[in-house]
Structures are given as structure tokens and as C-alpha cells.
């Protein structure tokens, strides 16, 4: 097999995270290639039956994540995740 294409972004896996990364990169003008080994889109995220964690309040999401991760994840990472959780619903509706 010969491959002679150039891409700005290559996304491996088309679950929720891969789909989000690919969509945002394409919206930003990148030429995107998505690789998925599963026969259908959704990757391993299909096992969640379409459920994702969202929160209208980043501070509440942060408190929940901090209480449930047994101190394994630094606060700055939790803050980034909780801020993303607050934006997830609007992103998915777009």
C-alpha cells in the first residue's frame, strides 16, 4: 500500500474525544485524517450508550472530580476538565 497524502492533524480513534478533536481541527482549517479500527463510528465511546459527563457549573464539576479521583489528578488538570464539561452540551448541540 502506498500513501502519499499530507495532513495537518491525524486523529487515531473516532470516539467522543477523537470526534471532538477532528471536528475542532477541521473548523480551525486543518486538513484532518481520522483513523478508526472499529467498523462503525463511535470507537469505544459506543459502550457508554451515548452518555457523556456535562455540567452547567464548572465549580460543581471540579468539586465532583476532586472528590472522586482519590488525589491522582492534579487540580489544574481537573479544572481544565471541569471547564470543558461546562462547554460540552453547547458544543454537542452545535
PDB file of N, CA and C in Angstrom:
ATOM      1  N   UNK A   1       0.831  -1.159   0.000  1.00  0.00           N
ATOM      2  CA  UNK A   1       0.000   0.000   0.000  1.00  0.00           C
ATOM      3  C   UNK A   1       0.889   1.241   0.000  1.00  0.00           C
ATOM      4  N   UNK A   2       0.608   2.150  -0.873  1.00  0.00           N
ATOM      5  CA  UNK A   2       1.368   3.388  -0.944  1.00  0.00           C
ATOM      6  C   UNK A   2       0.503   4.530  -0.435  1.00  0.00           C
ATOM      7  N   UNK A   3       1.111   5.411   0.319  1.00  0.00           N
ATOM      8  CA  UNK A   3       0.379   6.524   0.919  1.00  0.00           C
ATOM      9  C   UNK A   3       1.135   7.801   0.641  1.00  0.00           C
ATOM     10  N   UNK A   4       0.522   8.710  -0.082  1.00  0.00           N
ATOM     11  CA  UNK A   4       1.214   9.939  -0.465  1.00  0.00           C
ATOM     12  C   UNK A   4       0.333  11.160  -0.202  1.00  0.00           C
ATOM     13  N   UNK A   5      -0.214  11.239   0.978  1.00  0.00           N
ATOM     14  CA  UNK A   5      -1.055  12.370   1.368  1.00  0.00           C
ATOM     15  C   UNK A   5      -0.401  13.100   2.535  1.00  0.00           C
ATOM     16  N   UNK A   6      -0.707  14.360   2.662  1.00  0.00           N
ATOM     17  CA  UNK A   6      -0.205  15.161   3.768  1.00  0.00           C
ATOM     18  C   UNK A   6      -1.387  15.709   4.555  1.00  0.00           C
ATOM     19  N   UNK A   7      -1.317  15.618   5.868  1.00  0.00           N
ATOM     20  CA  UNK A   7      -2.372  16.107   6.744  1.00  0.00           C
ATOM     21  C   UNK A   7      -1.767  16.987   7.820  1.00  0.00           C
ATOM     22  N   UNK A   8      -2.559  17.930   8.295  1.00  0.00           N
ATOM     23  CA  UNK A   8      -2.136  18.763   9.417  1.00  0.00           C
ATOM     24  C   UNK A   8      -2.349  18.031  10.737  1.00  0.00           C
ATOM     25  N   UNK A   9      -3.428  17.261  10.801  1.00  0.00           N
ATOM     26  CA  UNK A   9      -3.794  16.556  12.029  1.00  0.00           C
ATOM     27  C   UNK A   9      -4.236  15.143  11.673  1.00  0.00           C
ATOM     28  N   UNK A  10      -3.723  14.172  12.414  1.00  0.00           N
ATOM     29  CA  UNK A  10      -4.182  12.787  12.281  1.00  0.00           C
ATOM     30  C   UNK A  10      -4.780  12.391  13.624  1.00  0.00           C
ATOM     31  N   UNK A  11      -6.044  11.996  13.599  1.00  0.00           N
ATOM     32  CA  UNK A  11      -6.750  11.599  14.813  1.00  0.00           C
ATOM     33  C   UNK A  11      -6.890  10.081  14.793  1.00  0.00           C
ATOM     34  N   UNK A  12      -6.410   9.446  15.848  1.00  0.00           N
ATOM     35  CA  UNK A  12      -6.499   7.993  15.951  1.00  0.00           C
ATOM     36  C   UNK A  12      -7.643   7.662  16.903  1.00  0.00           C
ATOM     37  N   UNK A  13      -8.709   7.105  16.345  1.00  0.00           N
ATOM     38  CA  UNK A  13      -9.894   6.760  17.118  1.00  0.00           C
ATOM     39  C   UNK A  13     -10.982   7.802  16.945  1.00  0.00           C
ATOM     40  N   UNK A  14     -12.192   7.333  16.649  1.00  0.00           N
ATOM     41  CA  UNK A  14     -13.302   8.250  16.427  1.00  0.00           C
ATOM     42  C   UNK A  14     -14.402   8.045  17.459  1.00  0.00           C
ATOM     43  N   UNK A  15     -13.963   7.975  18.723  1.00  0.00           N
ATOM     44  CA  UNK A  15     -14.924   8.023  19.825  1.00  0.00           C
ATOM     45  C   UNK A  15     -15.231   9.486  20.114  1.00  0.00           C
ATOM     46  N   UNK A  16     -15.778   9.766  21.292  1.00  0.00           N
ATOM     47  CA  UNK A  16     -16.140  11.141  21.621  1.00  0.00           C
ATOM     48  C   UNK A  16     -14.938  12.084  21.553  1.00  0.00           C
ATOM     49  N   UNK A  17     -13.822  11.689  22.134  1.00  0.00           N
ATOM     50  CA  UNK A  17     -12.645  12.564  22.150  1.00  0.00           C
ATOM     51  C   UNK A  17     -12.072  12.750  20.754  1.00  0.00           C
ATOM     52  N   UNK A  18     -11.945  11.664  20.005  1.00  0.00           N
ATOM     53  CA  UNK A  18     -11.414  11.765  18.651  1.00  0.00           C
ATOM     54  C   UNK A  18     -12.308  12.572  17.742  1.00  0.00           C
ATOM     55  N   UNK A  19     -13.620  12.381  17.864  1.00  0.00           N
ATOM     56  CA  UNK A  19     -14.566  13.141  17.046  1.00  0.00           C
ATOM     57  C   UNK A  19     -14.461  14.625  17.356  1.00  0.00           C
ATOM     58  N   UNK A  20     -14.389  14.956  18.640  1.00  0.00           N
ATOM     59  CA  UNK A  20     -14.268  16.358  19.038  1.00  0.00           C
ATOM     60  C   UNK A  20     -12.977  16.963  18.507  1.00  0.00           C
ATOM     61  N   UNK A  21     -11.877  16.239  18.643  1.00  0.00           N
ATOM     62  CA  UNK A  21     -10.594  16.736  18.146  1.00  0.00           C
ATOM     63  C   UNK A  21     -10.628  16.947  16.640  1.00  0.00           C
ATOM     64  N   UNK A  22     -11.185  15.995  15.915  1.00  0.00           N
ATOM     65  CA  UNK A  22     -11.246  16.100  14.453  1.00  0.00           C
ATOM     66  C   UNK A  22     -12.126  17.262  14.009  1.00  0.00           C
ATOM     67  N   UNK A  23     -13.277  17.415  14.643  1.00  0.00           N
ATOM     68  CA  UNK A  23     -14.192  18.500  14.281  1.00  0.00           C
ATOM     69  C   UNK A  23     -13.559  19.858  14.554  1.00  0.00           C
ATOM     70  N   UNK A  24     -12.967  20.017  15.722  1.00  0.00           N
ATOM     71  CA  UNK A  24     -12.355  21.305  16.062  1.00  0.00           C
ATOM     72  C   UNK A  24     -11.167  21.626  15.162  1.00  0.00           C
ATOM     73  N   UNK A  25     -10.358  20.633  14.844  1.00  0.00           N
ATOM     74  CA  UNK A  25      -9.222  20.860  13.945  1.00  0.00           C
ATOM     75  C   UNK A  25      -9.712  21.272  12.561  1.00  0.00           C
ATOM     76  N   UNK A  26     -10.740  20.600  12.071  1.00  0.00           N
ATOM     77  CA  UNK A  26     -11.295  20.944  10.757  1.00  0.00           C
ATOM     78  C   UNK A  26     -11.902  22.341  10.772  1.00  0.00           C
ATOM     79  N   UNK A  27     -12.608  22.690  11.839  1.00  0.00           N
ATOM     80  CA  UNK A  27     -13.175  24.040  11.961  1.00  0.00           C
ATOM     81  C   UNK A  27     -12.092  25.108  11.957  1.00  0.00           C
ATOM     82  N   UNK A  28     -10.918  24.750  12.479  1.00  0.00           N
ATOM     83  CA  UNK A  28      -9.798  25.692  12.517  1.00  0.00           C
ATOM     84  C   UNK A  28      -9.042  25.740  11.195  1.00  0.00           C
ATOM     85  N   UNK A  29      -9.483  24.950  10.222  1.00  0.00           N
ATOM     86  CA  UNK A  29      -8.873  24.990   8.900  1.00  0.00           C
ATOM     87  C   UNK A  29      -7.852  23.913   8.614  1.00  0.00           C
ATOM     88  N   UNK A  30      -7.671  22.977   9.528  1.00  0.00           N
ATOM     89  CA  UNK A  30      -6.685  21.912   9.327  1.00  0.00           C
ATOM     90  C   UNK A  30      -7.228  20.844   8.382  1.00  0.00           C
ATOM     91  N   UNK A  31      -6.323  20.237   7.653  1.00  0.00           N
ATOM     92  CA  UNK A  31      -6.659  19.060   6.849  1.00  0.00           C
ATOM     93  C   UNK A  31      -6.512  17.862   7.786  1.00  0.00           C
ATOM     94  N   UNK A  32      -7.620  17.143   8.009  1.00  0.00           N
ATOM     95  CA  UNK A  32      -7.683  16.128   9.059  1.00  0.00           C
ATOM     96  C   UNK A  32      -7.888  14.739   8.469  1.00  0.00           C
ATOM     97  N   UNK A  33      -7.155  13.770   9.003  1.00  0.00           N
ATOM     98  CA  UNK A  33      -7.364  12.358   8.696  1.00  0.00           C
ATOM     99  C   UNK A  33      -7.786  11.671   9.988  1.00  0.00           C
ATOM    100  N   UNK A  34      -8.886  10.921   9.934  1.00  0.00           N
ATOM    101  CA  UNK A  34      -9.357  10.165  11.091  1.00  0.00           C
ATOM    102  C   UNK A  34      -9.159   8.680  10.810  1.00  0.00           C
ATOM    103  N   UNK A  35      -8.512   7.982  11.733  1.00  0.00           N
ATOM    104  CA  UNK A  35      -8.311   6.536  11.641  1.00  0.00           C
ATOM    105  C   UNK A  35      -9.131   5.865  12.740  1.00  0.00           C
ATOM    106  N   UNK A  36      -9.963   4.914  12.363  1.00  0.00           N
ATOM    107  CA  UNK A  36     -10.791   4.183  13.329  1.00  0.00           C
ATOM    108  C   UNK A  36     -10.761   2.711  12.967  1.00  0.00           C
ATOM    109  N   UNK A  37     -10.431   1.860  13.935  1.00  0.00           N
ATOM    110  CA  UNK A  37     -10.358   0.423  13.652  1.00  0.00           C
ATOM    111  C   UNK A  37     -11.719  -0.257  13.711  1.00  0.00           C
ATOM    112  N   UNK A  38     -12.663   0.335  14.440  1.00  0.00           N
ATOM    113  CA  UNK A  38     -13.996  -0.269  14.550  1.00  0.00           C
ATOM    114  C   UNK A  38     -14.755  -0.100  13.233  1.00  0.00           C
ATOM    115  N   UNK A  39     -15.672  -1.014  12.939  1.00  0.00           N
ATOM    116  CA  UNK A  39     -16.414  -0.926  11.682  1.00  0.00           C
ATOM    117  C   UNK A  39     -17.411   0.231  11.644  1.00  0.00           C
ATOM    118  N   UNK A  40     -17.788   0.750  12.818  1.00  0.00           N
ATOM    119  CA  UNK A  40     -18.742   1.854  12.890  1.00  0.00           C
ATOM    120  C   UNK A  40     -18.130   3.012  13.666  1.00  0.00           C
ATOM    121  N   UNK A  41     -18.532   4.248  13.357  1.00  0.00           N
ATOM    122  CA  UNK A  41     -18.039   5.389  14.129  1.00  0.00           C
ATOM    123  C   UNK A  41     -18.472   5.274  15.587  1.00  0.00           C
ATOM    124  N   UNK A  42     -17.696   5.819  16.453  1.00  0.00           N
ATOM    125  CA  UNK A  42     -18.045   5.812  17.872  1.00  0.00           C
ATOM    126  C   UNK A  42     -16.975   5.207  18.748  1.00  0.00           C
ATOM    127  N   UNK A  43     -16.081   4.427  18.142  1.00  0.00           N
ATOM    128  CA  UNK A  43     -14.998   3.830  18.913  1.00  0.00           C
ATOM    129  C   UNK A  43     -15.506   3.157  20.172  1.00  0.00           C
ATOM    130  N   UNK A  44     -14.724   3.215  21.225  1.00  0.00           N
ATOM    131  CA  UNK A  44     -15.106   2.600  22.497  1.00  0.00           C
ATOM    132  C   UNK A  44     -16.196   3.412  23.192  1.00  0.00           C
ATOM    133  N   UNK A  45     -16.374   4.673  22.757  1.00  0.00           N
ATOM    134  CA  UNK A  45     -17.416   5.515  23.361  1.00  0.00           C
ATOM    135  C   UNK A  45     -18.808   4.944  23.144  1.00  0.00           C
ATOM    136  N   UNK A  46     -18.957   4.105  22.145  1.00  0.00           N
ATOM    137  CA  UNK A  46     -20.262   3.496  21.893  1.00  0.00           C
ATOM    138  C   UNK A  46     -20.704   2.647  23.086  1.00  0.00           C
ATOM    139  N   UNK A  47     -19.741   2.186  23.891  1.00  0.00           N
ATOM    140  CA  UNK A  47     -20.065   1.382  25.072  1.00  0.00           C
ATOM    141  C   UNK A  47     -20.782   2.202  26.140  1.00  0.00           C
ATOM    142  N   UNK A  48     -20.640   3.528  26.093  1.00  0.00           N
ATOM    143  CA  UNK A  48     -21.315   4.380  27.077  1.00  0.00           C
ATOM    144  C   UNK A  48     -22.752   4.669  26.677  1.00  0.00           C
ATOM    145  N   UNK A  49     -23.183   4.125  25.569  1.00  0.00           N
ATOM    146  CA  UNK A  49     -24.538   4.287  25.051  1.00  0.00           C
ATOM    147  C   UNK A  49     -24.883   5.754  24.821  1.00  0.00           C
ATOM    148  N   UNK A  50     -23.873   6.544  24.479  1.00  0.00           N
ATOM    149  CA  UNK A  50     -24.103   7.945  24.150  1.00  0.00           C
ATOM    150  C   UNK A  50     -24.052   8.894  25.331  1.00  0.00           C
ATOM    151  N   UNK A  51     -23.781   8.402  26.518  1.00  0.00           N
ATOM    152  CA  UNK A  51     -23.746   9.265  27.695  1.00  0.00           C
ATOM    153  C   UNK A  51     -22.395   9.959  27.818  1.00  0.00           C
ATOM    154  N   UNK A  52     -22.428  11.236  28.166  1.00  0.00           N
ATOM    155  CA  UNK A  52     -21.207  11.975  28.476  1.00  0.00           C
ATOM    156  C   UNK A  52     -21.445  12.776  29.746  1.00  0.00           C
ATOM    157  N   UNK A  53     -20.373  13.176  30.404  1.00  0.00           N
ATOM    158  CA  UNK A  53     -20.488  13.999  31.605  1.00  0.00           C
ATOM    159  C   UNK A  53     -20.496  15.464  31.213  1.00  0.00           C
ATOM    160  N   UNK A  54     -21.558  16.146  31.584  1.00  0.00           N
ATOM    161  CA  UNK A  54     -21.684  17.582  31.358  1.00  0.00           C
ATOM    162  C   UNK A  54     -22.035  18.233  32.688  1.00  0.00           C
ATOM    163  N   UNK A  55     -21.752  19.506  32.799  1.00  0.00           N
ATOM    164  CA  UNK A  55     -22.149  20.262  33.976  1.00  0.00           C
ATOM    165  C   UNK A  55     -22.313  21.716  33.582  1.00  0.00           C
ATOM    166  N   UNK A  56     -23.390  22.326  34.011  1.00  0.00           N
ATOM    167  CA  UNK A  56     -23.595  23.752  33.737  1.00  0.00           C
ATOM    168  C   UNK A  56     -22.691  24.605  34.613  1.00  0.00           C
ATOM    169  N   UNK A  57     -22.203  24.042  35.699  1.00  0.00           N
ATOM    170  CA  UNK A  57     -21.382  24.783  36.657  1.00  0.00           C
ATOM    171  C   UNK A  57     -19.989  24.169  36.769  1.00  0.00           C
ATOM    172  N   UNK A  58     -18.971  24.849  36.222  1.00  0.00           N
ATOM    173  CA  UNK A  58     -17.610  24.301  36.291  1.00  0.00           C
ATOM    174  C   UNK A  58     -17.128  24.042  37.720  1.00  0.00           C
ATOM    175  N   UNK A  59     -17.517  24.902  38.671  1.00  0.00           N
ATOM    176  CA  UNK A  59     -17.064  24.705  40.051  1.00  0.00           C
ATOM    177  C   UNK A  59     -17.655  23.436  40.661  1.00  0.00           C
ATOM    178  N   UNK A  60     -18.907  23.146  40.339  1.00  0.00           N
ATOM    179  CA  UNK A  60     -19.524  21.911  40.822  1.00  0.00           C
ATOM    180  C   UNK A  60     -18.868  20.688  40.183  1.00  0.00           C
ATOM    181  N   UNK A  61     -18.561  20.790  38.899  1.00  0.00           N
ATOM    182  CA  UNK A  61     -17.875  19.689  38.212  1.00  0.00           C
ATOM    183  C   UNK A  61     -16.498  19.464  38.823  1.00  0.00           C
ATOM    184  N   UNK A  62     -15.781  20.556  39.101  1.00  0.00           N
ATOM    185  CA  UNK A  62     -14.459  20.458  39.716  1.00  0.00           C
ATOM    186  C   UNK A  62     -14.552  19.753  41.070  1.00  0.00           C
ATOM    187  N   UNK A  63     -15.524  20.163  41.894  1.00  0.00           N
ATOM    188  CA  UNK A  63     -15.689  19.551  43.217  1.00  0.00           C
ATOM    189  C   UNK A  63     -15.987  18.060  43.093  1.00  0.00           C
ATOM    190  N   UNK A  64     -16.833  17.691  42.145  1.00  0.00           N
ATOM    191  CA  UNK A  64     -17.157  16.279  41.930  1.00  0.00           C
ATOM    192  C   UNK A  64     -15.912  15.498  41.508  1.00  0.00           C
ATOM    193  N   UNK A  65     -15.180  16.027  40.529  1.00  0.00           N
ATOM    194  CA  UNK A  65     -13.984  15.337  40.042  1.00  0.00           C
ATOM    195  C   UNK A  65     -12.939  15.205  41.145  1.00  0.00           C
ATOM    196  N   UNK A  66     -12.761  16.258  41.928  1.00  0.00           N
ATOM    197  CA  UNK A  66     -11.774  16.227  43.012  1.00  0.00           C
ATOM    198  C   UNK A  66     -12.161  15.184  44.062  1.00  0.00           C
ATOM    199  N   UNK A  67     -13.452  15.070  44.340  1.00  0.00           N
ATOM    200  CA  UNK A  67     -13.912  14.122  45.354  1.00  0.00           C
ATOM    201  C   UNK A  67     -13.843  12.675  44.887  1.00  0.00           C
ATOM    202  N   UNK A  68     -13.769  12.461  43.589  1.00  0.00           N
ATOM    203  CA  UNK A  68     -13.849  11.084  43.078  1.00  0.00           C
ATOM    204  C   UNK A  68     -12.567  10.552  42.445  1.00  0.00           C
ATOM    205  N   UNK A  69     -11.463  11.329  42.480  1.00  0.00           N
ATOM    206  CA  UNK A  69     -10.257  10.831  41.807  1.00  0.00           C
ATOM    207  C   UNK A  69      -9.158  10.395  42.765  1.00  0.00           C
ATOM    208  N   UNK A  70      -9.449  10.389  44.066  1.00  0.00           N
ATOM    209  CA  UNK A  70      -8.503   9.909  45.092  1.00  0.00           C
ATOM    210  C   UNK A  70      -7.156  10.619  45.033  1.00  0.00           C
ATOM    211  N   UNK A  71      -7.156  11.891  44.645  1.00  0.00           N
ATOM    212  CA  UNK A  71      -5.927  12.675  44.629  1.00  0.00           C
ATOM    213  C   UNK A  71      -4.946  12.322  43.530  1.00  0.00           C
ATOM    214  N   UNK A  72      -5.367  11.545  42.548  1.00  0.00           N
ATOM    215  CA  UNK A  72      -4.456  11.090  41.492  1.00  0.00           C
ATOM    216  C   UNK A  72      -4.271  12.100  40.367  1.00  0.00           C
ATOM    217  N   UNK A  73      -5.176  13.071  40.253  1.00  0.00           N
ATOM    218  CA  UNK A  73      -5.123  14.017  39.137  1.00  0.00           C
ATOM    219  C   UNK A  73      -4.891  15.414  39.694  1.00  0.00           C
ATOM    220  N   UNK A  74      -3.886  16.142  39.186  1.00  0.00           N
ATOM    221  CA  UNK A  74      -3.600  17.494  39.682  1.00  0.00           C
ATOM    222  C   UNK A  74      -4.791  18.440  39.478  1.00  0.00           C
ATOM    223  N   UNK A  75      -4.912  19.413  40.380  1.00  0.00           N
ATOM    224  CA  UNK A  75      -6.034  20.350  40.322  1.00  0.00           C
ATOM    225  C   UNK A  75      -6.115  21.116  39.007  1.00  0.00           C
ATOM    226  N   UNK A  76      -4.972  21.482  38.421  1.00  0.00           N
ATOM    227  CA  UNK A  76      -5.037  22.240  37.160  1.00  0.00           C
ATOM    228  C   UNK A  76      -5.639  21.392  36.039  1.00  0.00           C
ATOM    229  N   UNK A  77      -5.368  20.105  36.066  1.00  0.00           N
ATOM    230  CA  UNK A  77      -5.967  19.204  35.069  1.00  0.00           C
ATOM    231  C   UNK A  77      -7.465  19.056  35.339  1.00  0.00           C
ATOM    232  N   UNK A  78      -7.833  18.901  36.609  1.00  0.00           N
ATOM    233  CA  UNK A  78      -9.252  18.810  36.961  1.00  0.00           C
ATOM    234  C   UNK A  78     -10.004  20.074  36.556  1.00  0.00           C
ATOM    235  N   UNK A  79      -9.374  21.227  36.735  1.00  0.00           N
ATOM    236  CA  UNK A  79     -10.006  22.498  36.371  1.00  0.00           C
ATOM    237  C   UNK A  79     -10.236  22.550  34.860  1.00  0.00           C
ATOM    238  N   UNK A  80      -9.261  22.110  34.089  1.00  0.00           N
ATOM    239  CA  UNK A  80      -9.415  22.085  32.630  1.00  0.00           C
ATOM    240  C   UNK A  80     -10.552  21.151  32.227  1.00  0.00           C
ATOM    241  N   UNK A  81     -10.603  19.986  32.838  1.00  0.00           N
ATOM    242  CA  UNK A  81     -11.673  19.031  32.533  1.00  0.00           C
ATOM    243  C   UNK A  81     -13.030  19.610  32.916  1.00  0.00           C
ATOM    244  N   UNK A  82     -13.130  20.196  34.101  1.00  0.00           N
ATOM    245  CA  UNK A  82     -14.422  20.728  34.551  1.00  0.00           C
ATOM    246  C   UNK A  82     -14.880  21.894  33.684  1.00  0.00           C
ATOM    247  N   UNK A  83     -13.956  22.717  33.226  1.00  0.00           N
ATOM    248  CA  UNK A  83     -14.327  23.797  32.304  1.00  0.00           C
ATOM    249  C   UNK A  83     -14.834  23.223  30.982  1.00  0.00           C
ATOM    250  N   UNK A  84     -14.206  22.166  30.516  1.00  0.00           N
ATOM    251  CA  UNK A  84     -14.663  21.502  29.296  1.00  0.00           C
ATOM    252  C   UNK A  84     -16.030  20.861  29.468  1.00  0.00           C
ATOM    253  N   UNK A  85     -16.275  20.302  30.655  1.00  0.00           N
ATOM    254  CA  UNK A  85     -17.583  19.701  30.924  1.00  0.00           C
ATOM    255  C   UNK A  85     -18.693  20.744  30.827  1.00  0.00           C
ATOM    256  N   UNK A  86     -18.374  21.975  31.222  1.00  0.00           N
ATOM    257  CA  UNK A  86     -19.367  23.048  31.165  1.00  0.00           C
ATOM    258  C   UNK A  86     -19.650  23.486  29.729  1.00  0.00           C
ATOM    259  N   UNK A  87     -18.728  23.219  28.827  1.00  0.00           N
ATOM    260  CA  UNK A  87     -18.901  23.610  27.422  1.00  0.00           C
ATOM    261  C   UNK A  87     -19.421  22.467  26.554  1.00  0.00           C
ATOM    262  N   UNK A  88     -19.442  21.265  27.074  1.00  0.00           N
ATOM    263  CA  UNK A  88     -19.758  20.083  26.261  1.00  0.00           C
ATOM    264  C   UNK A  88     -21.159  20.117  25.665  1.00  0.00           C
ATOM    265  N   UNK A  89     -22.152  20.481  26.457  1.00  0.00           N
ATOM    266  CA  UNK A  89     -23.524  20.457  25.945  1.00  0.00           C
ATOM    267  C   UNK A  89     -23.693  21.410  24.765  1.00  0.00           C
ATOM    268  N   UNK A  90     -23.201  22.634  24.902  1.00  0.00           N
ATOM    269  CA  UNK A  90     -23.298  23.595  23.803  1.00  0.00           C
ATOM    270  C   UNK A  90     -22.553  23.131  22.568  1.00  0.00           C
ATOM    271  N   UNK A  91     -21.385  22.538  22.768  1.00  0.00           N
ATOM    272  CA  UNK A  91     -20.603  22.030  21.638  1.00  0.00           C
ATOM    273  C   UNK A  91     -21.374  20.949  20.896  1.00  0.00           C
ATOM    274  N   UNK A  92     -21.956  20.027  21.641  1.00  0.00           N
ATOM    275  CA  UNK A  92     -22.682  18.928  21.014  1.00  0.00           C
ATOM    276  C   UNK A  92     -23.949  19.403  20.314  1.00  0.00           C
ATOM    277  N   UNK A  93     -24.569  20.439  20.834  1.00  0.00           N
ATOM    278  CA  UNK A  93     -25.773  20.970  20.191  1.00  0.00           C
ATOM    279  C   UNK A  93     -25.442  21.673  18.878  1.00  0.00           C
ATOM    280  N   UNK A  94     -24.245  22.259  18.802  1.00  0.00           N
ATOM    281  CA  UNK A  94     -23.809  22.914  17.552  1.00  0.00           C
ATOM    282  C   UNK A  94     -23.665  21.874  16.475  1.00  0.00           C
TER     283      UNK A  94
END
